[in-house]
Protein backbone atom coordinates (compact mmCIF):
# COMPACT_ATOMS: atom_id res chain seq x y z
CA MET A 1 -136.11 -4.93 58.93
CA SER A 2 -134.83 -2.70 56.15
CA GLU A 3 -136.04 -2.94 52.58
CA ASP A 4 -132.56 -3.96 51.47
CA ARG A 5 -132.26 -6.77 54.01
CA PHE A 6 -135.70 -8.10 53.14
CA ALA A 7 -134.80 -8.05 49.43
CA GLU A 8 -131.62 -10.00 50.25
CA LEU A 9 -133.71 -12.65 52.01
CA VAL A 10 -136.04 -12.91 49.02
CA GLU A 11 -133.05 -13.31 46.69
CA ALA A 12 -131.58 -15.94 49.01
CA ALA A 13 -134.89 -17.84 49.08
CA PHE A 14 -135.03 -17.77 45.29
CA ALA A 15 -131.42 -19.03 45.13
CA GLN A 16 -132.47 -22.03 47.25
CA VAL A 17 -135.00 -23.18 44.64
CA PRO A 18 -133.47 -26.14 42.77
CA PRO A 19 -131.85 -25.03 39.51
CA GLU A 20 -133.80 -27.60 37.53
CA LEU A 21 -136.97 -25.72 38.53
CA THR A 22 -135.68 -22.18 38.04
CA ALA A 23 -134.46 -23.21 34.58
CA MET A 24 -138.07 -24.00 33.70
CA LEU A 25 -139.38 -20.58 34.72
CA ASP A 26 -140.56 -18.89 31.56
CA ASN A 27 -141.24 -15.17 31.19
CA VAL A 28 -141.34 -14.44 34.94
CA VAL A 29 -139.99 -11.56 37.02
CA LEU A 30 -139.68 -11.34 40.81
CA PHE A 31 -140.54 -8.16 42.71
CA VAL A 32 -140.48 -7.06 46.34
CA GLU A 33 -143.01 -4.45 47.42
CA ASP A 34 -143.74 -3.00 50.83
CA ASP A 35 -147.50 -3.40 50.95
CA ALA A 36 -150.01 -5.89 49.63
CA PRO A 37 -153.00 -4.65 47.62
CA PRO A 38 -155.58 -2.76 49.73
CA GLU A 39 -158.22 -5.42 49.02
CA ASP A 40 -156.00 -8.11 50.61
CA PRO A 41 -153.62 -6.33 53.02
CA ASP A 42 -152.44 -9.53 54.73
CA LEU A 43 -151.25 -11.14 51.49
CA LEU A 44 -147.62 -12.29 51.69
CA GLY A 45 -147.08 -12.94 48.01
CA LEU A 46 -148.85 -12.93 44.67
CA TYR A 47 -148.42 -14.67 41.33
CA ASP A 48 -149.93 -12.66 38.49
CA GLY A 49 -149.69 -14.32 35.12
CA VAL A 50 -150.54 -17.29 32.97
CA ALA A 51 -149.44 -20.60 34.49
CA LEU A 52 -147.43 -22.90 32.25
CA THR A 53 -150.27 -25.43 32.37
CA GLU A 54 -152.65 -22.83 30.87
CA ARG A 55 -150.46 -21.61 28.03
CA ASP A 56 -151.25 -22.73 24.53
CA THR A 57 -150.08 -21.88 21.02
CA ALA A 58 -151.76 -18.45 21.28
CA TYR A 59 -149.49 -17.49 24.20
CA GLY A 60 -146.95 -14.93 23.09
CA GLY A 61 -146.17 -11.26 23.02
CA VAL A 62 -147.29 -10.82 26.61
CA LEU A 63 -145.68 -9.01 29.49
CA PRO A 64 -143.79 -11.24 31.93
CA ASP A 65 -145.64 -12.96 34.73
CA ARG A 66 -145.04 -11.24 38.07
CA ILE A 67 -144.20 -12.81 41.39
CA THR A 68 -144.43 -10.22 44.13
CA ILE A 69 -143.37 -10.74 47.74
CA TYR A 70 -144.81 -8.25 50.23
CA ARG A 71 -142.51 -7.02 52.99
CA ASN A 72 -144.81 -5.39 55.55
CA PRO A 73 -147.39 -8.19 55.84
CA THR A 74 -144.55 -10.70 56.16
CA LEU A 75 -142.82 -8.70 58.87
CA ALA A 76 -146.14 -8.28 60.70
CA ILE A 77 -146.46 -12.05 61.26
CA CYS A 78 -142.79 -12.71 62.10
CA ASP A 79 -141.05 -12.15 65.42
CA THR A 80 -137.45 -12.86 64.43
CA GLU A 81 -135.26 -12.73 61.34
CA GLU A 82 -135.28 -16.53 61.40
CA ASP A 83 -139.09 -16.39 61.13
CA VAL A 84 -138.78 -14.01 58.17
CA VAL A 85 -136.30 -16.33 56.43
CA ARG A 86 -138.67 -19.28 56.87
CA GLU A 87 -141.78 -17.36 55.78
CA VAL A 88 -140.09 -15.77 52.76
CA GLY A 89 -138.83 -19.20 51.68
CA ILE A 90 -142.32 -20.66 51.89
CA THR A 91 -143.85 -17.70 50.06
CA VAL A 92 -141.32 -17.71 47.22
CA VAL A 93 -141.83 -21.44 46.61
CA HIS A 94 -145.61 -21.01 46.90
CA GLU A 95 -145.71 -18.32 44.21
CA ILE A 96 -143.32 -20.17 41.89
CA ALA A 97 -145.56 -23.22 42.24
CA HIS A 98 -148.48 -21.18 40.91
CA HIS A 99 -146.40 -20.51 37.77
CA PHE A 100 -146.24 -24.28 37.31
CA GLY A 101 -150.01 -24.58 37.74
CA ILE A 102 -150.11 -25.91 41.31
CA ASP A 103 -153.16 -24.60 43.16
CA ASP A 104 -153.51 -23.48 46.77
CA ALA A 105 -155.17 -26.70 47.92
CA ARG A 106 -152.22 -28.80 46.76
CA LEU A 107 -149.74 -26.31 48.22
CA HIS A 108 -151.47 -26.58 51.59
CA GLU A 109 -151.10 -30.37 51.39
CA LEU A 110 -147.39 -29.95 50.66
CA GLY A 111 -146.87 -27.49 53.53
CA TYR A 112 -146.36 -24.38 51.39
CA ALA A 113 -149.33 -22.37 52.57
């Protein structure tokens, strides 16, 4: 799958997130990269930032939080474009949930693992 097509699927997955949630995203940017970090090459996505639940009055003047979706690890576990659509949707929601302070254990319970 091309980089452009994968990016389209990530954008489509983000567009499916309810607007009442995306309106609450604060200081966050979404990226698509080909490869996950070498220390975790199978990683599908990553939230790097300060969750809303951890921000206090000292929070300010910081770079935006980053949500990164990794193309090659995702494609490696998917057989069809339909699989990619499903996996990207799960990953986008999973990483957005981290921005709201939801941990991996709760995401597993909710089916977003």
